[in-house]
Amino acid sequence: ASWAVLFSKGNALKAIVLALGVMLHATNVYLATTIMPSIIKEIGGIQYYAWNTTIFVVASVIGSVISANQMTKSGPRKAYQIAILLFSLGTLLCTFAPTMYILLLGRFIQGYGGGLLFALSYAMIRLVFTENLWSRAMALVSAMWGVAAFSGPFIGGIFAEHGHWRWSFGILLFFCLFIILAA
């Protein structure tokens, strides 16, 4: 099947939602690393600098490992909605974090929700698309890691440069809202 078929009829929204789930998670990986110096400057916590990434990655692994159980227990749609709601909650905490401890809690929740999101995005390809679209959908979802390698530092850098690191997390909430409504 062609790329046009992947983005036609009822497939387009499914493809976009699954791709955005991976992009949100992957962008957040790079974004947070870019803005950490600005975060430290405002709320302190340099001794926990490395924990920002460590907690996020550990939580992501946990989320991705339990994604199959969550999908079996809740069903694909509900599992995806739970994942995006968790990611949104973590992002909200990060956006308004007054201390490094709250930021780290937000990063854990983001990571957990993001781990669910990206694992579910891959797992759901075979459930929401016909077999002839699986390779195209897998390529689209996987390509989001490449997009994120540019978008994360770009978004983070713009906001950090102007002293608005919180908005770099906040902007992700708009994508979360779209996914919540579409999923």
C-alpha atoms as a PDB file:
ATOM      1  CA  ALA A   1       0.000   0.000   0.000  1.00  0.00           C
ATOM      2  CA  SER A   2       1.107   3.563  -0.647  1.00  0.00           C
ATOM      3  CA  TRP A   3       1.586   6.465   1.730  1.00  0.00           C
ATOM      4  CA  ALA A   4      -1.567   7.986   0.254  1.00  0.00           C
ATOM      5  CA  VAL A   5      -3.597   5.009   1.481  1.00  0.00           C
ATOM      6  CA  LEU A   6      -2.143   5.425   4.995  1.00  0.00           C
ATOM      7  CA  PHE A   7      -3.392   9.022   5.000  1.00  0.00           C
ATOM      8  CA  SER A   8      -6.768   8.428   3.372  1.00  0.00           C
ATOM      9  CA  LYS A   9     -10.242   7.777   4.717  1.00  0.00           C
ATOM     10  CA  GLY A  10     -10.284   6.850   8.405  1.00  0.00           C
ATOM     11  CA  ASN A  11      -6.590   5.971   8.448  1.00  0.00           C
ATOM     12  CA  ALA A  12      -5.237   9.529   8.560  1.00  0.00           C
ATOM     13  CA  LEU A  13      -6.394  10.390  12.073  1.00  0.00           C
ATOM     14  CA  LYS A  14      -5.231   7.037  13.427  1.00  0.00           C
ATOM     15  CA  ALA A  15      -1.803   7.487  11.845  1.00  0.00           C
ATOM     16  CA  ILE A  16      -1.455  11.033  13.151  1.00  0.00           C
ATOM     17  CA  VAL A  17      -2.520  10.145  16.691  1.00  0.00           C
ATOM     18  CA  LEU A  18      -0.136   7.185  16.916  1.00  0.00           C
ATOM     19  CA  ALA A  19       2.737   9.181  15.396  1.00  0.00           C
ATOM     20  CA  LEU A  20       2.111  12.144  17.710  1.00  0.00           C
ATOM     21  CA  GLY A  21       2.179   9.865  20.744  1.00  0.00           C
ATOM     22  CA  VAL A  22       5.700   8.767  19.884  1.00  0.00           C
ATOM     23  CA  MET A  23       6.731  12.281  18.879  1.00  0.00           C
ATOM     24  CA  LEU A  24       5.544  13.748  22.188  1.00  0.00           C
ATOM     25  CA  HIS A  25       7.517  11.235  24.197  1.00  0.00           C
ATOM     26  CA  ALA A  26      10.639  11.481  22.047  1.00  0.00           C
ATOM     27  CA  THR A  27      10.541  15.283  21.818  1.00  0.00           C
ATOM     28  CA  ASN A  28      10.279  15.479  25.578  1.00  0.00           C
ATOM     29  CA  VAL A  29      13.469  13.440  25.965  1.00  0.00           C
ATOM     30  CA  TYR A  30      15.486  16.021  24.032  1.00  0.00           C
ATOM     31  CA  LEU A  31      13.548  19.085  25.160  1.00  0.00           C
ATOM     32  CA  ALA A  32      14.123  18.523  28.869  1.00  0.00           C
ATOM     33  CA  THR A  33      17.836  17.991  28.398  1.00  0.00           C
ATOM     34  CA  THR A  34      18.074  21.281  26.509  1.00  0.00           C
ATOM     35  CA  ILE A  35      16.262  23.358  29.133  1.00  0.00           C
ATOM     36  CA  MET A  36      17.810  21.843  32.282  1.00  0.00           C
ATOM     37  CA  PRO A  37      20.375  24.640  32.726  1.00  0.00           C
ATOM     38  CA  SER A  38      17.503  27.182  32.686  1.00  0.00           C
ATOM     39  CA  ILE A  39      15.507  25.090  35.144  1.00  0.00           C
ATOM     40  CA  ILE A  40      18.458  24.849  37.529  1.00  0.00           C
ATOM     41  CA  LYS A  41      18.993  28.603  37.260  1.00  0.00           C
ATOM     42  CA  GLU A  42      15.391  29.288  38.316  1.00  0.00           C
ATOM     43  CA  ILE A  43      14.451  26.575  40.820  1.00  0.00           C
ATOM     44  CA  GLY A  44      17.827  25.171  41.837  1.00  0.00           C
ATOM     45  CA  GLY A  45      18.566  21.514  42.435  1.00  0.00           C
ATOM     46  CA  ILE A  46      21.829  21.121  40.560  1.00  0.00           C
ATOM     47  CA  GLN A  47      22.615  18.066  42.701  1.00  0.00           C
ATOM     48  CA  TYR A  48      19.610  16.365  41.031  1.00  0.00           C
ATOM     49  CA  TYR A  49      20.552  17.358  37.481  1.00  0.00           C
ATOM     50  CA  ALA A  50      21.236  13.802  36.321  1.00  0.00           C
ATOM     51  CA  TRP A  51      18.112  12.481  38.040  1.00  0.00           C
ATOM     52  CA  ASN A  52      15.981  14.425  35.573  1.00  0.00           C
ATOM     53  CA  THR A  53      16.905  12.062  32.762  1.00  0.00           C
ATOM     54  CA  THR A  54      17.387   8.958  34.892  1.00  0.00           C
ATOM     55  CA  ILE A  55      13.932   9.120  36.462  1.00  0.00           C
ATOM     56  CA  PHE A  56      12.308   9.837  33.115  1.00  0.00           C
ATOM     57  CA  VAL A  57      14.029   6.914  31.365  1.00  0.00           C
ATOM     58  CA  VAL A  58      13.380   4.435  34.200  1.00  0.00           C
ATOM     59  CA  ALA A  59       9.698   5.416  34.275  1.00  0.00           C
ATOM     60  CA  SER A  60       9.546   5.128  30.464  1.00  0.00           C
ATOM     61  CA  VAL A  61      10.895   1.603  30.600  1.00  0.00           C
ATOM     62  CA  ILE A  62       8.352   0.669  33.279  1.00  0.00           C
ATOM     63  CA  GLY A  63       5.529   2.186  31.215  1.00  0.00           C
ATOM     64  CA  SER A  64       6.596   0.423  28.032  1.00  0.00           C
ATOM     65  CA  VAL A  65       6.963  -2.931  29.815  1.00  0.00           C
ATOM     66  CA  ILE A  66       3.447  -2.821  31.261  1.00  0.00           C
ATOM     67  CA  SER A  67       1.824  -1.422  28.102  1.00  0.00           C
ATOM     68  CA  ALA A  68       0.668  -4.841  26.884  1.00  0.00           C
ATOM     69  CA  ASN A  69      -0.980  -5.579  30.229  1.00  0.00           C
ATOM     70  CA  GLN A  70      -2.623  -2.146  30.234  1.00  0.00           C
ATOM     71  CA  MET A  71      -3.958  -2.693  26.724  1.00  0.00           C
ATOM     72  CA  THR A  72      -5.317  -6.135  27.647  1.00  0.00           C
ATOM     73  CA  LYS A  73      -6.899  -4.805  30.828  1.00  0.00           C
ATOM     74  CA  SER A  74      -8.358  -1.548  29.482  1.00  0.00           C
ATOM     75  CA  GLY A  75      -8.587  -2.093  25.740  1.00  0.00           C
ATOM     76  CA  PRO A  76      -6.489  -0.208  23.166  1.00  0.00           C
ATOM     77  CA  ARG A  77      -8.389   3.096  23.140  1.00  0.00           C
ATOM     78  CA  LYS A  78      -8.717   3.390  26.918  1.00  0.00           C
ATOM     79  CA  ALA A  79      -5.063   2.386  27.429  1.00  0.00           C
ATOM     80  CA  TYR A  80      -3.957   5.099  24.989  1.00  0.00           C
ATOM     81  CA  GLN A  81      -6.178   7.653  26.722  1.00  0.00           C
ATOM     82  CA  ILE A  82      -4.730   6.688  30.120  1.00  0.00           C
ATOM     83  CA  ALA A  83      -1.218   7.048  28.702  1.00  0.00           C
ATOM     84  CA  ILE A  84      -1.832  10.528  27.294  1.00  0.00           C
ATOM     85  CA  LEU A  85      -3.573  11.652  30.488  1.00  0.00           C
ATOM     86  CA  LEU A  86      -0.602  10.503  32.570  1.00  0.00           C
ATOM     87  CA  PHE A  87       1.824  12.205  30.216  1.00  0.00           C
ATOM     88  CA  SER A  88      -0.308  15.372  30.394  1.00  0.00           C
ATOM     89  CA  LEU A  89      -0.394  15.295  34.201  1.00  0.00           C
ATOM     90  CA  GLY A  90       3.382  14.904  34.357  1.00  0.00           C
ATOM     91  CA  THR A  91       3.826  17.716  31.858  1.00  0.00           C
ATOM     92  CA  LEU A  92       1.533  19.962  33.873  1.00  0.00           C
ATOM     93  CA  LEU A  93       3.565  19.268  37.018  1.00  0.00           C
ATOM     94  CA  CYS A  94       6.788  20.073  35.162  1.00  0.00           C
ATOM     95  CA  THR A  95       5.313  23.272  33.742  1.00  0.00           C
ATOM     96  CA  PHE A  96       4.443  24.655  37.175  1.00  0.00           C
ATOM     97  CA  ALA A  97       7.151  22.961  39.292  1.00  0.00           C
ATOM     98  CA  PRO A  98       8.271  25.316  42.085  1.00  0.00           C
ATOM     99  CA  THR A  99      11.088  22.968  43.187  1.00  0.00           C
ATOM    100  CA  MET A 100      13.282  20.276  41.703  1.00  0.00           C
ATOM    101  CA  TYR A 101      11.436  17.631  43.738  1.00  0.00           C
ATOM    102  CA  ILE A 102       8.137  18.493  42.034  1.00  0.00           C
ATOM    103  CA  LEU A 103       9.871  18.611  38.659  1.00  0.00           C
ATOM    104  CA  LEU A 104      11.299  15.130  39.250  1.00  0.00           C
ATOM    105  CA  LEU A 105       7.860  13.828  40.232  1.00  0.00           C
ATOM    106  CA  GLY A 106       6.486  15.346  37.026  1.00  0.00           C
ATOM    107  CA  ARG A 107       9.298  13.783  35.002  1.00  0.00           C
ATOM    108  CA  PHE A 108       8.528  10.360  36.499  1.00  0.00           C
ATOM    109  CA  ILE A 109       4.833  10.656  35.597  1.00  0.00           C
ATOM    110  CA  GLN A 110       5.734  11.997  32.138  1.00  0.00           C
ATOM    111  CA  GLY A 111       8.129   9.134  31.582  1.00  0.00           C
ATOM    112  CA  TYR A 112       5.635   6.524  32.706  1.00  0.00           C
ATOM    113  CA  GLY A 113       2.880   7.955  30.494  1.00  0.00           C
ATOM    114  CA  GLY A 114       5.323   8.452  27.633  1.00  0.00           C
ATOM    115  CA  GLY A 115       6.575   4.882  27.911  1.00  0.00           C
ATOM    116  CA  LEU A 116       2.998   3.678  27.675  1.00  0.00           C
ATOM    117  CA  LEU A 117       2.356   6.041  24.739  1.00  0.00           C
ATOM    118  CA  PHE A 118       5.230   4.987  22.562  1.00  0.00           C
ATOM    119  CA  ALA A 119       4.866   1.260  23.268  1.00  0.00           C
ATOM    120  CA  LEU A 120       1.123   1.393  22.653  1.00  0.00           C
ATOM    121  CA  SER A 121       1.668   3.330  19.426  1.00  0.00           C
ATOM    122  CA  TYR A 122       3.797   0.503  18.043  1.00  0.00           C
ATOM    123  CA  ALA A 123       1.544  -2.240  19.420  1.00  0.00           C
ATOM    124  CA  MET A 124      -1.634  -0.692  18.087  1.00  0.00           C
ATOM    125  CA  ILE A 125      -0.436  -0.527  14.478  1.00  0.00           C
ATOM    126  CA  ARG A 126      -1.530  -4.088  13.832  1.00  0.00           C
ATOM    127  CA  LEU A 127      -4.859  -3.437  15.542  1.00  0.00           C
ATOM    128  CA  VAL A 128      -5.940  -0.253  13.770  1.00  0.00           C
ATOM    129  CA  PHE A 129      -4.540  -0.771  10.266  1.00  0.00           C
ATOM    130  CA  THR A 130      -4.928  -3.497   7.706  1.00  0.00           C
ATOM    131  CA  GLU A 131      -1.872  -5.679   7.193  1.00  0.00           C
ATOM    132  CA  ASN A 132      -0.896  -3.975   3.937  1.00  0.00           C
ATOM    133  CA  LEU A 133      -0.389  -0.701   5.893  1.00  0.00           C
ATOM    134  CA  TRP A 134       1.672  -2.082   8.762  1.00  0.00           C
ATOM    135  CA  SER A 135       5.085  -1.323   7.243  1.00  0.00           C
ATOM    136  CA  ARG A 136       4.116   2.251   6.296  1.00  0.00           C
ATOM    137  CA  ALA A 137       2.577   2.908   9.716  1.00  0.00           C
ATOM    138  CA  MET A 138       5.636   1.457  11.455  1.00  0.00           C
ATOM    139  CA  ALA A 139       7.910   3.659   9.341  1.00  0.00           C
ATOM    140  CA  LEU A 140       5.827   6.751  10.155  1.00  0.00           C
ATOM    141  CA  VAL A 141       5.794   6.095  13.893  1.00  0.00           C
ATOM    142  CA  SER A 142       9.515   5.269  13.915  1.00  0.00           C
ATOM    143  CA  ALA A 143      10.344   8.420  11.949  1.00  0.00           C
ATOM    144  CA  MET A 144       9.027  10.482  14.854  1.00  0.00           C
ATOM    145  CA  TRP A 145      12.254   9.766  16.745  1.00  0.00           C
ATOM    146  CA  GLY A 146      14.122  11.569  13.967  1.00  0.00           C
ATOM    147  CA  VAL A 147      11.683  14.471  14.008  1.00  0.00           C
ATOM    148  CA  ALA A 148      12.069  14.682  17.786  1.00  0.00           C
ATOM    149  CA  ALA A 149      15.856  14.804  17.562  1.00  0.00           C
ATOM    150  CA  PHE A 150      15.391  18.210  15.909  1.00  0.00           C
ATOM    151  CA  SER A 151      12.144  19.455  17.458  1.00  0.00           C
ATOM    152  CA  GLY A 152      13.089  18.800  21.102  1.00  0.00           C
ATOM    153  CA  PRO A 153      16.280  20.869  21.213  1.00  0.00           C
ATOM    154  CA  PHE A 154      14.732  23.459  18.881  1.00  0.00           C
ATOM    155  CA  ILE A 155      11.639  24.039  21.038  1.00  0.00           C
ATOM    156  CA  GLY A 156      13.613  23.847  24.268  1.00  0.00           C
ATOM    157  CA  GLY A 157      16.293  26.181  22.947  1.00  0.00           C
ATOM    158  CA  ILE A 158      13.850  28.846  21.805  1.00  0.00           C
ATOM    159  CA  PHE A 159      12.071  29.001  25.133  1.00  0.00           C
ATOM    160  CA  ALA A 160      15.226  28.670  27.254  1.00  0.00           C
ATOM    161  CA  GLU A 161      16.918  31.476  25.306  1.00  0.00           C
ATOM    162  CA  HIS A 162      14.102  33.836  26.219  1.00  0.00           C
ATOM    163  CA  GLY A 163      13.879  32.700  29.844  1.00  0.00           C
ATOM    164  CA  HIS A 164      10.594  30.814  29.429  1.00  0.00           C
ATOM    165  CA  TRP A 165      11.591  27.190  29.990  1.00  0.00           C
ATOM    166  CA  ARG A 166       8.165  26.423  31.480  1.00  0.00           C
ATOM    167  CA  TRP A 167       6.533  27.169  28.140  1.00  0.00           C
ATOM    168  CA  SER A 168       8.583  24.455  26.478  1.00  0.00           C
ATOM    169  CA  PHE A 169       6.693  21.952  28.624  1.00  0.00           C
ATOM    170  CA  GLY A 170       3.480  23.947  28.296  1.00  0.00           C
ATOM    171  CA  ILE A 171       3.520  23.805  24.503  1.00  0.00           C
ATOM    172  CA  LEU A 172       3.453  20.002  24.730  1.00  0.00           C
ATOM    173  CA  LEU A 173       0.094  20.274  26.503  1.00  0.00           C
ATOM    174  CA  PHE A 174      -1.513  21.553  23.293  1.00  0.00           C
ATOM    175  CA  PHE A 175      -0.449  18.372  21.508  1.00  0.00           C
ATOM    176  CA  CYS A 176      -1.675  16.341  24.473  1.00  0.00           C
ATOM    177  CA  LEU A 177      -5.073  18.014  24.219  1.00  0.00           C
ATOM    178  CA  PHE A 178      -5.302  17.179  20.520  1.00  0.00           C
ATOM    179  CA  ILE A 179      -4.427  13.532  21.189  1.00  0.00           C
ATOM    180  CA  ILE A 180      -6.906  13.315  24.073  1.00  0.00           C
ATOM    181  CA  LEU A 181      -9.684  14.638  21.873  1.00  0.00           C
ATOM    182  CA  ALA A 182      -8.738  12.505  18.857  1.00  0.00           C
ATOM    183  CA  ALA A 183      -8.127   9.272  20.754  1.00  0.00           C
END
